[in-house]
Each structure stands twice: as structure tokens, then as C-alpha cells.
PDB file of N, CA and C in Angstrom:
ATOM      1  N   MET A   1     119.925   8.829  -2.253  1.00  0.00           N
ATOM      2  CA  MET A   1     118.971   8.974  -3.345  1.00  0.00           C
ATOM      3  C   MET A   1     117.660   9.511  -2.791  1.00  0.00           C
ATOM      4  N   THR A   2     117.191  10.589  -3.349  1.00  0.00           N
ATOM      5  CA  THR A   2     115.881  11.115  -2.996  1.00  0.00           C
ATOM      6  C   THR A   2     114.868  10.528  -3.963  1.00  0.00           C
ATOM      7  N   VAL A   3     113.800   9.963  -3.425  1.00  0.00           N
ATOM      8  CA  VAL A   3     112.772   9.381  -4.291  1.00  0.00           C
ATOM      9  C   VAL A   3     111.606  10.340  -4.414  1.00  0.00           C
ATOM     10  N   ASP A   4     110.939  10.272  -5.555  1.00  0.00           N
ATOM     11  CA  ASP A   4     109.737  11.076  -5.748  1.00  0.00           C
ATOM     12  C   ASP A   4     108.571  10.146  -6.081  1.00  0.00           C
ATOM     13  N   HIS A   5     107.394  10.722  -6.174  1.00  0.00           N
ATOM     14  CA  HIS A   5     106.200   9.907  -6.390  1.00  0.00           C
ATOM     15  C   HIS A   5     106.219   9.181  -7.738  1.00  0.00           C
ATOM     16  N   ALA A   6     106.769   9.809  -8.764  1.00  0.00           N
ATOM     17  CA  ALA A   6     106.816   9.155 -10.077  1.00  0.00           C
ATOM     18  C   ALA A   6     107.692   7.899 -10.010  1.00  0.00           C
ATOM     19  N   PHE A   7     108.871   8.031  -9.400  1.00  0.00           N
ATOM     20  CA  PHE A   7     109.747   6.874  -9.237  1.00  0.00           C
ATOM     21  C   PHE A   7     109.060   5.786  -8.422  1.00  0.00           C
ATOM     22  N   ALA A   8     108.445   6.184  -7.314  1.00  0.00           N
ATOM     23  CA  ALA A   8     107.801   5.225  -6.415  1.00  0.00           C
ATOM     24  C   ALA A   8     106.674   4.467  -7.108  1.00  0.00           C
ATOM     25  N   GLN A   9     105.862   5.160  -7.868  1.00  0.00           N
ATOM     26  CA  GLN A   9     104.754   4.512  -8.584  1.00  0.00           C
ATOM     27  C   GLN A   9     105.281   3.544  -9.632  1.00  0.00           C
ATOM     28  N   ARG A  10     106.292   3.972 -10.377  1.00  0.00           N
ATOM     29  CA  ARG A  10     106.889   3.114 -11.410  1.00  0.00           C
ATOM     30  C   ARG A  10     107.515   1.871 -10.766  1.00  0.00           C
ATOM     31  N   PHE A  11     108.284   2.070  -9.708  1.00  0.00           N
ATOM     32  CA  PHE A  11     108.916   0.960  -9.016  1.00  0.00           C
ATOM     33  C   PHE A  11     107.870  -0.012  -8.496  1.00  0.00           C
ATOM     34  N   ALA A  12     106.856   0.493  -7.804  1.00  0.00           N
ATOM     35  CA  ALA A  12     105.828  -0.375  -7.218  1.00  0.00           C
ATOM     36  C   ALA A  12     105.094  -1.168  -8.298  1.00  0.00           C
ATOM     37  N   GLY A  13     104.804  -0.549  -9.422  1.00  0.00           N
ATOM     38  CA  GLY A  13     104.136  -1.253 -10.511  1.00  0.00           C
ATOM     39  C   GLY A  13     104.985  -2.390 -11.052  1.00  0.00           C
ATOM     40  N   GLU A  14     106.283  -2.131 -11.268  1.00  0.00           N
ATOM     41  CA  GLU A  14     107.194  -3.177 -11.753  1.00  0.00           C
ATOM     42  C   GLU A  14     107.368  -4.281 -10.716  1.00  0.00           C
ATOM     43  N   TRP A  15     107.469  -3.903  -9.453  1.00  0.00           N
ATOM     44  CA  TRP A  15     107.682  -4.840  -8.345  1.00  0.00           C
ATOM     45  C   TRP A  15     106.495  -5.780  -8.202  1.00  0.00           C
ATOM     46  N   VAL A  16     105.274  -5.221  -8.197  1.00  0.00           N
ATOM     47  CA  VAL A  16     104.064  -6.048  -8.086  1.00  0.00           C
ATOM     48  C   VAL A  16     103.922  -6.950  -9.308  1.00  0.00           C
ATOM     49  N   ALA A  17     104.178  -6.410 -10.496  1.00  0.00           N
ATOM     50  CA  ALA A  17     104.065  -7.219 -11.717  1.00  0.00           C
ATOM     51  C   ALA A  17     105.040  -8.391 -11.685  1.00  0.00           C
ATOM     52  N   ALA A  18     106.262  -8.168 -11.221  1.00  0.00           N
ATOM     53  CA  ALA A  18     107.242  -9.258 -11.142  1.00  0.00           C
ATOM     54  C   ALA A  18     106.799 -10.314 -10.131  1.00  0.00           C
ATOM     55  N   TRP A  19     106.306  -9.883  -8.973  1.00  0.00           N
ATOM     56  CA  TRP A  19     105.802 -10.849  -7.995  1.00  0.00           C
ATOM     57  C   TRP A  19     104.637 -11.647  -8.566  1.00  0.00           C
ATOM     58  N   ASN A  20     103.693 -10.970  -9.192  1.00  0.00           N
ATOM     59  CA  ASN A  20     102.512 -11.663  -9.724  1.00  0.00           C
ATOM     60  C   ASN A  20     102.861 -12.611 -10.861  1.00  0.00           C
ATOM     61  N   ALA A  21     103.974 -12.353 -11.540  1.00  0.00           N
ATOM     62  CA  ALA A  21     104.460 -13.260 -12.586  1.00  0.00           C
ATOM     63  C   ALA A  21     105.344 -14.360 -11.998  1.00  0.00           C
ATOM     64  N   ARG A  22     105.559 -14.309 -10.683  1.00  0.00           N
ATOM     65  CA  ARG A  22     106.428 -15.254  -9.989  1.00  0.00           C
ATOM     66  C   ARG A  22     107.845 -15.212 -10.570  1.00  0.00           C
ATOM     67  N   ASP A  23     108.252 -14.007 -10.974  1.00  0.00           N
ATOM     68  CA  ASP A  23     109.558 -13.774 -11.574  1.00  0.00           C
ATOM     69  C   ASP A  23     110.529 -13.330 -10.484  1.00  0.00           C
ATOM     70  N   LEU A  24     111.055 -14.291  -9.741  1.00  0.00           N
ATOM     71  CA  LEU A  24     111.925 -13.981  -8.617  1.00  0.00           C
ATOM     72  C   LEU A  24     113.160 -13.197  -9.048  1.00  0.00           C
ATOM     73  N   GLU A  25     113.778 -13.584 -10.140  1.00  0.00           N
ATOM     74  CA  GLU A  25     114.966 -12.864 -10.600  1.00  0.00           C
ATOM     75  C   GLU A  25     114.609 -11.434 -11.011  1.00  0.00           C
ATOM     76  N   GLY A  26     113.403 -11.263 -11.566  1.00  0.00           N
ATOM     77  CA  GLY A  26     112.943  -9.914 -11.890  1.00  0.00           C
ATOM     78  C   GLY A  26     112.761  -9.055 -10.649  1.00  0.00           C
ATOM     79  N   VAL A  27     112.250  -9.634  -9.586  1.00  0.00           N
ATOM     80  CA  VAL A  27     112.117  -8.911  -8.323  1.00  0.00           C
ATOM     81  C   VAL A  27     113.506  -8.557  -7.792  1.00  0.00           C
ATOM     82  N   LEU A  28     114.402  -9.532  -7.795  1.00  0.00           N
ATOM     83  CA  LEU A  28     115.725  -9.341  -7.207  1.00  0.00           C
ATOM     84  C   LEU A  28     116.592  -8.322  -7.943  1.00  0.00           C
ATOM     85  N   THR A  29     116.273  -8.009  -9.197  1.00  0.00           N
ATOM     86  CA  THR A  29     117.056  -6.994  -9.921  1.00  0.00           C
ATOM     87  C   THR A  29     116.959  -5.629  -9.245  1.00  0.00           C
ATOM     88  N   HIS A  30     115.975  -5.441  -8.397  1.00  0.00           N
ATOM     89  CA  HIS A  30     115.764  -4.158  -7.716  1.00  0.00           C
ATOM     90  C   HIS A  30     116.518  -4.045  -6.390  1.00  0.00           C
ATOM     91  N   TYR A  31     117.313  -5.054  -6.023  1.00  0.00           N
ATOM     92  CA  TYR A  31     117.961  -5.113  -4.709  1.00  0.00           C
ATOM     93  C   TYR A  31     119.477  -5.138  -4.839  1.00  0.00           C
ATOM     94  N   THR A  32     120.164  -4.519  -3.878  1.00  0.00           N
ATOM     95  CA  THR A  32     121.627  -4.536  -3.850  1.00  0.00           C
ATOM     96  C   THR A  32     122.120  -5.913  -3.416  1.00  0.00           C
ATOM     97  N   ASP A  33     123.378  -6.199  -3.712  1.00  0.00           N
ATOM     98  CA  ASP A  33     123.962  -7.482  -3.305  1.00  0.00           C
ATOM     99  C   ASP A  33     124.048  -7.618  -1.793  1.00  0.00           C
ATOM    100  N   ASP A  34     124.159  -6.485  -1.078  1.00  0.00           N
ATOM    101  CA  ASP A  34     124.278  -6.515   0.385  1.00  0.00           C
ATOM    102  C   ASP A  34     122.967  -6.136   1.090  1.00  0.00           C
ATOM    103  N   VAL A  35     121.848  -6.358   0.435  1.00  0.00           N
ATOM    104  CA  VAL A  35     120.542  -6.022   0.994  1.00  0.00           C
ATOM    105  C   VAL A  35     120.321  -6.706   2.343  1.00  0.00           C
ATOM    106  N   VAL A  36     119.590  -6.021   3.214  1.00  0.00           N
ATOM    107  CA  VAL A  36     119.135  -6.591   4.478  1.00  0.00           C
ATOM    108  C   VAL A  36     117.623  -6.477   4.478  1.00  0.00           C
ATOM    109  N   PHE A  37     116.947  -7.603   4.715  1.00  0.00           N
ATOM    110  CA  PHE A  37     115.481  -7.629   4.688  1.00  0.00           C
ATOM    111  C   PHE A  37     114.973  -8.272   5.968  1.00  0.00           C
ATOM    112  N   SER A  38     113.987  -7.627   6.597  1.00  0.00           N
ATOM    113  CA  SER A  38     113.399  -8.117   7.840  1.00  0.00           C
ATOM    114  C   SER A  38     111.903  -8.314   7.668  1.00  0.00           C
ATOM    115  N   SER A  39     111.401  -9.427   8.217  1.00  0.00           N
ATOM    116  CA  SER A  39     109.983  -9.734   8.142  1.00  0.00           C
ATOM    117  C   SER A  39     109.653 -10.836   9.144  1.00  0.00           C
ATOM    118  N   PRO A  40     108.465 -10.780   9.734  1.00  0.00           N
ATOM    119  CA  PRO A  40     108.069 -11.900  10.586  1.00  0.00           C
ATOM    120  C   PRO A  40     107.939 -13.198   9.793  1.00  0.00           C
ATOM    121  N   ARG A  41     107.774 -13.104   8.484  1.00  0.00           N
ATOM    122  CA  ARG A  41     107.684 -14.303   7.643  1.00  0.00           C
ATOM    123  C   ARG A  41     109.031 -15.020   7.532  1.00  0.00           C
ATOM    124  N   VAL A  42     110.127 -14.302   7.717  1.00  0.00           N
ATOM    125  CA  VAL A  42     111.445 -14.936   7.725  1.00  0.00           C
ATOM    126  C   VAL A  42     111.505 -15.951   8.868  1.00  0.00           C
ATOM    127  N   VAL A  43     110.905 -15.580   9.990  1.00  0.00           N
ATOM    128  CA  VAL A  43     110.875 -16.486  11.146  1.00  0.00           C
ATOM    129  C   VAL A  43     110.093 -17.746  10.797  1.00  0.00           C
ATOM    130  N   THR A  44     108.905 -17.584  10.203  1.00  0.00           N
ATOM    131  CA  THR A  44     108.060 -18.752   9.925  1.00  0.00           C
ATOM    132  C   THR A  44     108.548 -19.583   8.749  1.00  0.00           C
ATOM    133  N   VAL A  45     109.068 -18.954   7.715  1.00  0.00           N
ATOM    134  CA  VAL A  45     109.495 -19.686   6.518  1.00  0.00           C
ATOM    135  C   VAL A  45     110.862 -20.330   6.701  1.00  0.00           C
ATOM    136  N   LEU A  46     111.802 -19.589   7.292  1.00  0.00           N
ATOM    137  CA  LEU A  46     113.171 -20.094   7.419  1.00  0.00           C
ATOM    138  C   LEU A  46     113.507 -20.587   8.825  1.00  0.00           C
ATOM    139  N   GLY A  47     112.663 -20.234   9.793  1.00  0.00           N
ATOM    140  CA  GLY A  47     112.991 -20.583  11.169  1.00  0.00           C
ATOM    141  C   GLY A  47     114.125 -19.738  11.724  1.00  0.00           C
ATOM    142  N   GLU A  48     114.360 -18.583  11.124  1.00  0.00           N
ATOM    143  CA  GLU A  48     115.420 -17.667  11.552  1.00  0.00           C
ATOM    144  C   GLU A  48     114.849 -16.727  12.619  1.00  0.00           C
ATOM    145  N   PRO A  49     115.247 -16.893  13.888  1.00  0.00           N
ATOM    146  CA  PRO A  49     114.629 -16.130  14.977  1.00  0.00           C
ATOM    147  C   PRO A  49     114.814 -14.617  14.888  1.00  0.00           C
ATOM    148  N   SER A  50     115.860 -14.160  14.192  1.00  0.00           N
ATOM    149  CA  SER A  50     116.077 -12.714  14.068  1.00  0.00           C
ATOM    150  C   SER A  50     115.058 -12.071  13.130  1.00  0.00           C
ATOM    151  N   GLY A  51     114.437 -12.880  12.263  1.00  0.00           N
ATOM    152  CA  GLY A  51     113.509 -12.326  11.272  1.00  0.00           C
ATOM    153  C   GLY A  51     114.211 -11.562  10.171  1.00  0.00           C
ATOM    154  N   GLU A  52     115.500 -11.804   9.997  1.00  0.00           N
ATOM    155  CA  GLU A  52     116.294 -11.024   9.064  1.00  0.00           C
ATOM    156  C   GLU A  52     117.114 -11.925   8.139  1.00  0.00           C
ATOM    157  N   VAL A  53     117.204 -11.514   6.872  1.00  0.00           N
ATOM    158  CA  VAL A  53     118.129 -12.144   5.934  1.00  0.00           C
ATOM    159  C   VAL A  53     119.093 -11.071   5.446  1.00  0.00           C
ATOM    160  N   ARG A  54     120.335 -11.481   5.204  1.00  0.00           N
ATOM    161  CA  ARG A  54     121.383 -10.548   4.775  1.00  0.00           C
ATOM    162  C   ARG A  54     122.002 -11.037   3.476  1.00  0.00           C
ATOM    163  N   GLY A  55     121.977 -10.171   2.479  1.00  0.00           N
ATOM    164  CA  GLY A  55     122.576 -10.477   1.190  1.00  0.00           C
ATOM    165  C   GLY A  55     121.555 -10.995   0.189  1.00  0.00           C
ATOM    166  N   LYS A  56     121.831 -10.714  -1.084  1.00  0.00           N
ATOM    167  CA  LYS A  56     120.899 -11.102  -2.141  1.00  0.00           C
ATOM    168  C   LYS A  56     120.735 -12.615  -2.237  1.00  0.00           C
ATOM    169  N   GLY A  57     121.804 -13.368  -2.005  1.00  0.00           N
ATOM    170  CA  GLY A  57     121.707 -14.828  -2.041  1.00  0.00           C
ATOM    171  C   GLY A  57     120.769 -15.356  -0.980  1.00  0.00           C
ATOM    172  N   ALA A  58     120.860 -14.827   0.222  1.00  0.00           N
ATOM    173  CA  ALA A  58     119.973 -15.247   1.313  1.00  0.00           C
ATOM    174  C   ALA A  58     118.530 -14.814   1.037  1.00  0.00           C
ATOM    175  N   LEU A  59     118.370 -13.627   0.452  1.00  0.00           N
ATOM    176  CA  LEU A  59     117.026 -13.162   0.111  1.00  0.00           C
ATOM    177  C   LEU A  59     116.424 -14.044  -0.974  1.00  0.00           C
ATOM    178  N   ARG A  60     117.229 -14.439  -1.966  1.00  0.00           N
ATOM    179  CA  ARG A  60     116.773 -15.345  -3.016  1.00  0.00           C
ATOM    180  C   ARG A  60     116.318 -16.679  -2.418  1.00  0.00           C
ATOM    181  N   ALA A  61     117.096 -17.223  -1.513  1.00  0.00           N
ATOM    182  CA  ALA A  61     116.743 -18.503  -0.882  1.00  0.00           C
ATOM    183  C   ALA A  61     115.442 -18.389  -0.095  1.00  0.00           C
ATOM    184  N   TYR A  62     115.286 -17.306   0.652  1.00  0.00           N
ATOM    185  CA  TYR A  62     114.060 -17.087   1.431  1.00  0.00           C
ATOM    186  C   TYR A  62     112.847 -16.974   0.517  1.00  0.00           C
ATOM    187  N   TRP A  63     112.928 -16.089  -0.463  1.00  0.00           N
ATOM    188  CA  TRP A  63     111.773 -15.882  -1.331  1.00  0.00           C
ATOM    189  C   TRP A  63     111.488 -17.103  -2.202  1.00  0.00           C
ATOM    190  N   SER A  64     112.505 -17.836  -2.598  1.00  0.00           N
ATOM    191  CA  SER A  64     112.293 -19.053  -3.367  1.00  0.00           C
ATOM    192  C   SER A  64     111.485 -20.067  -2.553  1.00  0.00           C
ATOM    193  N   LYS A  65     111.857 -20.230  -1.302  1.00  0.00           N
ATOM    194  CA  LYS A  65     111.115 -21.146  -0.427  1.00  0.00           C
ATOM    195  C   LYS A  65     109.695 -20.643  -0.192  1.00  0.00           C
ATOM    196  N   ALA A  66     109.549 -19.347   0.022  1.00  0.00           N
ATOM    197  CA  ALA A  66     108.220 -18.772   0.247  1.00  0.00           C
ATOM    198  C   ALA A  66     107.331 -18.960  -0.985  1.00  0.00           C
ATOM    199  N   LEU A  67     107.881 -18.746  -2.179  1.00  0.00           N
ATOM    200  CA  LEU A  67     107.097 -18.942  -3.408  1.00  0.00           C
ATOM    201  C   LEU A  67     106.645 -20.391  -3.553  1.00  0.00           C
ATOM    202  N   ALA A  68     107.487 -21.330  -3.182  1.00  0.00           N
ATOM    203  CA  ALA A  68     107.111 -22.745  -3.256  1.00  0.00           C
ATOM    204  C   ALA A  68     105.956 -23.062  -2.314  1.00  0.00           C
ATOM    205  N   LEU A  69     105.885 -22.347  -1.204  1.00  0.00           N
ATOM    206  CA  LEU A  69     104.813 -22.559  -0.225  1.00  0.00           C
ATOM    207  C   LEU A  69     103.516 -21.826  -0.587  1.00  0.00           C
ATOM    208  N   LEU A  70     103.599 -20.886  -1.541  1.00  0.00           N
ATOM    209  CA  LEU A  70     102.448 -20.042  -1.895  1.00  0.00           C
ATOM    210  C   LEU A  70     102.160 -20.105  -3.392  1.00  0.00           C
ATOM    211  N   PRO A  71     101.615 -21.205  -3.875  1.00  0.00           N
ATOM    212  CA  PRO A  71     101.385 -21.332  -5.320  1.00  0.00           C
ATOM    213  C   PRO A  71     100.373 -20.321  -5.869  1.00  0.00           C
ATOM    214  N   ASP A  72      99.524 -19.769  -5.013  1.00  0.00           N
ATOM    215  CA  ASP A  72      98.513 -18.804  -5.464  1.00  0.00           C
ATOM    216  C   ASP A  72      98.902 -17.362  -5.168  1.00  0.00           C
ATOM    217  N   LEU A  73     100.169 -17.102  -4.889  1.00  0.00           N
ATOM    218  CA  LEU A  73     100.612 -15.756  -4.533  1.00  0.00           C
ATOM    219  C   LEU A  73     100.106 -14.726  -5.530  1.00  0.00           C
ATOM    220  N   ARG A  74      99.553 -13.658  -4.997  1.00  0.00           N
ATOM    221  CA  ARG A  74      99.036 -12.570  -5.839  1.00  0.00           C
ATOM    222  C   ARG A  74      98.991 -11.311  -4.996  1.00  0.00           C
ATOM    223  N   PHE A  75      99.568 -10.227  -5.494  1.00  0.00           N
ATOM    224  CA  PHE A  75      99.548  -8.947  -4.792  1.00  0.00           C
ATOM    225  C   PHE A  75      98.615  -7.984  -5.510  1.00  0.00           C
ATOM    226  N   THR A  76      97.839  -7.247  -4.741  1.00  0.00           N
ATOM    227  CA  THR A  76      96.987  -6.186  -5.268  1.00  0.00           C
ATOM    228  C   THR A  76      97.460  -4.873  -4.659  1.00  0.00           C
ATOM    229  N   LEU A  77      98.016  -4.008  -5.481  1.00  0.00           N
ATOM    230  CA  LEU A  77      98.562  -2.736  -5.028  1.00  0.00           C
ATOM    231  C   LEU A  77      97.452  -1.829  -4.515  1.00  0.00           C
ATOM    232  N   GLU A  78      97.647  -1.260  -3.328  1.00  0.00           N
ATOM    233  CA  GLU A  78      96.664  -0.340  -2.755  1.00  0.00           C
ATOM    234  C   GLU A  78      97.165   1.097  -2.713  1.00  0.00           C
ATOM    235  N   SER A  79      98.415   1.306  -2.302  1.00  0.00           N
ATOM    236  CA  SER A  79      98.953   2.668  -2.266  1.00  0.00           C
ATOM    237  C   SER A  79     100.468   2.631  -2.203  1.00  0.00           C
ATOM    238  N   VAL A  80     101.052   3.769  -2.542  1.00  0.00           N
ATOM    239  CA  VAL A  80     102.503   3.934  -2.498  1.00  0.00           C
ATOM    240  C   VAL A  80     102.769   5.302  -1.872  1.00  0.00           C
ATOM    241  N   ARG A  81     103.679   5.316  -0.896  1.00  0.00           N
ATOM    242  CA  ARG A  81     104.058   6.566  -0.237  1.00  0.00           C
ATOM    243  C   ARG A  81     105.567   6.726  -0.276  1.00  0.00           C
ATOM    244  N   VAL A  82     106.017   7.993  -0.197  1.00  0.00           N
ATOM    245  CA  VAL A  82     107.454   8.259  -0.289  1.00  0.00           C
ATOM    246  C   VAL A  82     107.956   9.016   0.930  1.00  0.00           C
ATOM    247  N   SER A  83     109.235   8.801   1.208  1.00  0.00           N
ATOM    248  CA  SER A  83     109.985   9.577   2.176  1.00  0.00           C
ATOM    249  C   SER A  83     111.238  10.054   1.457  1.00  0.00           C
ATOM    250  N   VAL A  84     112.275  10.380   2.177  1.00  0.00           N
ATOM    251  CA  VAL A  84     113.472  10.927   1.544  1.00  0.00           C
ATOM    252  C   VAL A  84     114.124   9.904   0.615  1.00  0.00           C
ATOM    253  N   ASP A  85     114.471   8.729   1.155  1.00  0.00           N
ATOM    254  CA  ASP A  85     115.129   7.688   0.365  1.00  0.00           C
ATOM    255  C   ASP A  85     114.386   6.365   0.465  1.00  0.00           C
ATOM    256  N   THR A  86     113.118   6.428   0.850  1.00  0.00           N
ATOM    257  CA  THR A  86     112.327   5.236   1.155  1.00  0.00           C
ATOM    258  C   THR A  86     110.953   5.339   0.520  1.00  0.00           C
ATOM    259  N   ILE A  87     110.447   4.196   0.068  1.00  0.00           N
ATOM    260  CA  ILE A  87     109.051   4.134  -0.341  1.00  0.00           C
ATOM    261  C   ILE A  87     108.350   3.066   0.500  1.00  0.00           C
ATOM    262  N   VAL A  88     107.063   3.245   0.672  1.00  0.00           N
ATOM    263  CA  VAL A  88     106.225   2.262   1.358  1.00  0.00           C
ATOM    264  C   VAL A  88     105.176   1.807   0.356  1.00  0.00           C
ATOM    265  N   ILE A  89     105.147   0.512   0.127  1.00  0.00           N
ATOM    266  CA  ILE A  89     104.174  -0.091  -0.782  1.00  0.00           C
ATOM    267  C   ILE A  89     103.147  -0.826   0.071  1.00  0.00           C
ATOM    268  N   ASP A  90     101.890  -0.420  -0.040  1.00  0.00           N
ATOM    269  CA  ASP A  90     100.804  -1.097   0.662  1.00  0.00           C
ATOM    270  C   ASP A  90     100.047  -1.952  -0.347  1.00  0.00           C
ATOM    271  N   TYR A  91      99.858  -3.216  -0.004  1.00  0.00           N
ATOM    272  CA  TYR A  91      99.147  -4.127  -0.894  1.00  0.00           C
ATOM    273  C   TYR A  91      98.394  -5.157  -0.078  1.00  0.00           C
ATOM    274  N   ARG A  92      97.574  -5.922  -0.754  1.00  0.00           N
ATOM    275  CA  ARG A  92      96.915  -7.085  -0.152  1.00  0.00           C
ATOM    276  C   ARG A  92      97.447  -8.320  -0.852  1.00  0.00           C
ATOM    277  N   ASN A  93      97.668  -9.360  -0.059  1.00  0.00           N
ATOM    278  CA  ASN A  93      98.165 -10.599  -0.653  1.00  0.00           C
ATOM    279  C   ASN A  93      97.002 -11.479  -1.098  1.00  0.00           C
ATOM    280  N   GLU A  94      97.311 -12.679  -1.537  1.00  0.00           N
ATOM    281  CA  GLU A  94      96.297 -13.594  -2.095  1.00  0.00           C
ATOM    282  C   GLU A  94      95.231 -13.987  -1.080  1.00  0.00           C
ATOM    283  N   ARG A  95      95.494 -13.812   0.202  1.00  0.00           N
ATOM    284  CA  ARG A  95      94.500 -14.122   1.243  1.00  0.00           C
ATOM    285  C   ARG A  95      93.746 -12.885   1.704  1.00  0.00           C
ATOM    286  N   GLY A  96      94.019 -11.742   1.081  1.00  0.00           N
ATOM    287  CA  GLY A  96      93.371 -10.493   1.454  1.00  0.00           C
ATOM    288  C   GLY A  96      93.992  -9.807   2.651  1.00  0.00           C
ATOM    289  N   VAL A  97      95.153 -10.308   3.102  1.00  0.00           N
ATOM    290  CA  VAL A  97      95.833  -9.715   4.256  1.00  0.00           C
ATOM    291  C   VAL A  97      96.566  -8.439   3.823  1.00  0.00           C
ATOM    292  N   ALA A  98      96.407  -7.375   4.620  1.00  0.00           N
ATOM    293  CA  ALA A  98      97.105  -6.118   4.362  1.00  0.00           C
ATOM    294  C   ALA A  98      98.584  -6.281   4.686  1.00  0.00           C
ATOM    295  N   VAL A  99      99.430  -5.821   3.753  1.00  0.00           N
ATOM    296  CA  VAL A  99     100.880  -5.897   3.914  1.00  0.00           C
ATOM    297  C   VAL A  99     101.469  -4.545   3.514  1.00  0.00           C
ATOM    298  N   SER A 100     102.508  -4.127   4.230  1.00  0.00           N
ATOM    299  CA  SER A 100     103.284  -2.945   3.856  1.00  0.00           C
ATOM    300  C   SER A 100     104.739  -3.357   3.728  1.00  0.00           C
ATOM    301  N   GLU A 101     105.377  -2.854   2.703  1.00  0.00           N
ATOM    302  CA  GLU A 101     106.820  -3.052   2.526  1.00  0.00           C
ATOM    303  C   GLU A 101     107.447  -1.663   2.533  1.00  0.00           C
ATOM    304  N   ALA A 102     108.359  -1.432   3.452  1.00  0.00           N
ATOM    305  CA  ALA A 102     109.134  -0.196   3.494  1.00  0.00           C
ATOM    306  C   ALA A 102     110.499  -0.525   2.896  1.00  0.00           C
ATOM    307  N   LEU A 103     110.845   0.167   1.831  1.00  0.00           N
ATOM    308  CA  LEU A 103     112.061  -0.133   1.071  1.00  0.00           C
ATOM    309  C   LEU A 103     112.927   1.114   0.984  1.00  0.00           C
ATOM    310  N   THR A 104     114.152   1.016   1.489  1.00  0.00           N
ATOM    311  CA  THR A 104     115.089   2.130   1.485  1.00  0.00           C
ATOM    312  C   THR A 104     116.112   1.911   0.372  1.00  0.00           C
ATOM    313  N   PHE A 105     116.379   2.983  -0.374  1.00  0.00           N
ATOM    314  CA  PHE A 105     117.193   2.902  -1.580  1.00  0.00           C
ATOM    315  C   PHE A 105     118.587   3.479  -1.393  1.00  0.00           C
ATOM    316  N   ARG A 106     119.523   2.878  -2.135  1.00  0.00           N
ATOM    317  CA  ARG A 106     120.879   3.388  -2.265  1.00  0.00           C
ATOM    318  C   ARG A 106     121.257   3.210  -3.733  1.00  0.00           C
ATOM    319  N   ASP A 107     121.628   4.285  -4.385  1.00  0.00           N
ATOM    320  CA  ASP A 107     122.023   4.234  -5.803  1.00  0.00           C
ATOM    321  C   ASP A 107     120.969   3.567  -6.679  1.00  0.00           C
ATOM    322  N   GLY A 108     119.700   3.831  -6.390  1.00  0.00           N
ATOM    323  CA  GLY A 108     118.608   3.341  -7.225  1.00  0.00           C
ATOM    324  C   GLY A 108     118.132   1.932  -6.941  1.00  0.00           C
ATOM    325  N   LEU A 109     118.761   1.257  -5.961  1.00  0.00           N
ATOM    326  CA  LEU A 109     118.370  -0.107  -5.614  1.00  0.00           C
ATOM    327  C   LEU A 109     118.016  -0.195  -4.132  1.00  0.00           C
ATOM    328  N   VAL A 110     117.185  -1.165  -3.793  1.00  0.00           N
ATOM    329  CA  VAL A 110     116.793  -1.375  -2.406  1.00  0.00           C
ATOM    330  C   VAL A 110     117.964  -1.991  -1.648  1.00  0.00           C
ATOM    331  N   HIS A 111     118.355  -1.343  -0.553  1.00  0.00           N
ATOM    332  CA  HIS A 111     119.419  -1.928   0.271  1.00  0.00           C
ATOM    333  C   HIS A 111     118.921  -2.303   1.668  1.00  0.00           C
ATOM    334  N   ARG A 112     117.686  -1.899   1.993  1.00  0.00           N
ATOM    335  CA  ARG A 112     117.090  -2.280   3.278  1.00  0.00           C
ATOM    336  C   ARG A 112     115.593  -2.368   3.068  1.00  0.00           C
ATOM    337  N   GLY A 113     114.990  -3.445   3.552  1.00  0.00           N
ATOM    338  CA  GLY A 113     113.546  -3.619   3.415  1.00  0.00           C
ATOM    339  C   GLY A 113     112.944  -4.218   4.663  1.00  0.00           C
ATOM    340  N   PHE A 114     111.691  -3.844   4.901  1.00  0.00           N
ATOM    341  CA  PHE A 114     110.925  -4.356   6.037  1.00  0.00           C
ATOM    342  C   PHE A 114     109.547  -4.754   5.556  1.00  0.00           C
ATOM    343  N   GLY A 115     109.108  -5.944   5.880  1.00  0.00           N
ATOM    344  CA  GLY A 115     107.746  -6.382   5.592  1.00  0.00           C
ATOM    345  C   GLY A 115     106.932  -6.330   6.874  1.00  0.00           C
ATOM    346  N   ALA A 116     105.729  -5.762   6.806  1.00  0.00           N
ATOM    347  CA  ALA A 116     104.851  -5.661   7.977  1.00  0.00           C
ATOM    348  C   ALA A 116     103.452  -6.123   7.555  1.00  0.00           C
ATOM    349  N   TYR A 117     102.839  -6.943   8.390  1.00  0.00           N
ATOM    350  CA  TYR A 117     101.581  -7.607   8.048  1.00  0.00           C
ATOM    351  C   TYR A 117     100.444  -7.200   8.961  1.00  0.00           C
ATOM    352  N   GLY A 118      99.248  -7.064   8.377  1.00  0.00           N
ATOM    353  CA  GLY A 118      98.053  -6.824   9.150  1.00  0.00           C
ATOM    354  C   GLY A 118      97.522  -8.136   9.708  1.00  0.00           C
ATOM    355  N   PRO A 119      96.444  -8.057  10.463  1.00  0.00           N
ATOM    356  CA  PRO A 119      95.884  -9.289  11.028  1.00  0.00           C
ATOM    357  C   PRO A 119      95.411 -10.236   9.930  1.00  0.00           C
ATOM    358  N   GLU A 120      95.554 -11.527  10.190  1.00  0.00           N
ATOM    359  CA  GLU A 120      95.085 -12.530   9.227  1.00  0.00           C
ATOM    360  C   GLU A 120      93.576 -12.423   9.075  1.00  0.00           C
ATOM    361  N   SER A 121      93.104 -12.552   7.840  1.00  0.00           N
ATOM    362  CA  SER A 121      91.652 -12.472   7.629  1.00  0.00           C
ATOM    363  C   SER A 121      91.082 -13.833   7.352  1.00  0.00           C
TER     364      SER A 121
END
């Protein structure tokens, strides 16, 4: 799937809105059943040393636990960039920390994602 800026902007807007509404199932509708997601937060939240979760069920469990730990979660969209089959969403979280999510698509859904964090403020 080749992504364009219109798709990326629409996706990022829906994605941020679902997160800000704490609508986990709404967020997960954008991911394949065999999604692989990597983040240093996987290590801290789940204690998984690989920093990786595999499958939508595992991603649901990770994000559910993370949401319980972050009652004030709020994302502020800063920018969206595109590549061939990937978009990068840059945002700030509720603590003002810069975060980037690189999301690679297959058949219109995210099948690989990476979370990257700036220094804590």
C-alpha cells in the first residue's frame, strides 16, 4: 500500500482522537491481527525485555495496562510524514514529552509499529 499525505493526515487525526477519548477498541481497529509493535514502554509497562508485542491481543493487553497507568493520557498532534507504505506521527504526550510513532501499513491497516520517545521533560 502506498500512502499519501491525505491518507496520513486523516489516519493521524482519527488515531489521536481515539487515544484522547481513551477508546482502545477504536485505536485497535487500525491494526492487523498479526501486528508487531516495538517500544521502550513495552519494557517498562510489561517487563518484556524485547520491547516487542506480537498480535492484536498482546497489543490490547499492553495498551490496556498502559491506559490504566496513565489516567491523564492526552496526545497533541505536531506533524505527520509519509514514506512509501509508512507514516510517522509526531506528537506530545500529557507530560509534554516528544513521541514519534512509525506505522507501516498492509492492506490499509498497521502491521508494524515503532514508538520512539524524546527526553523526559
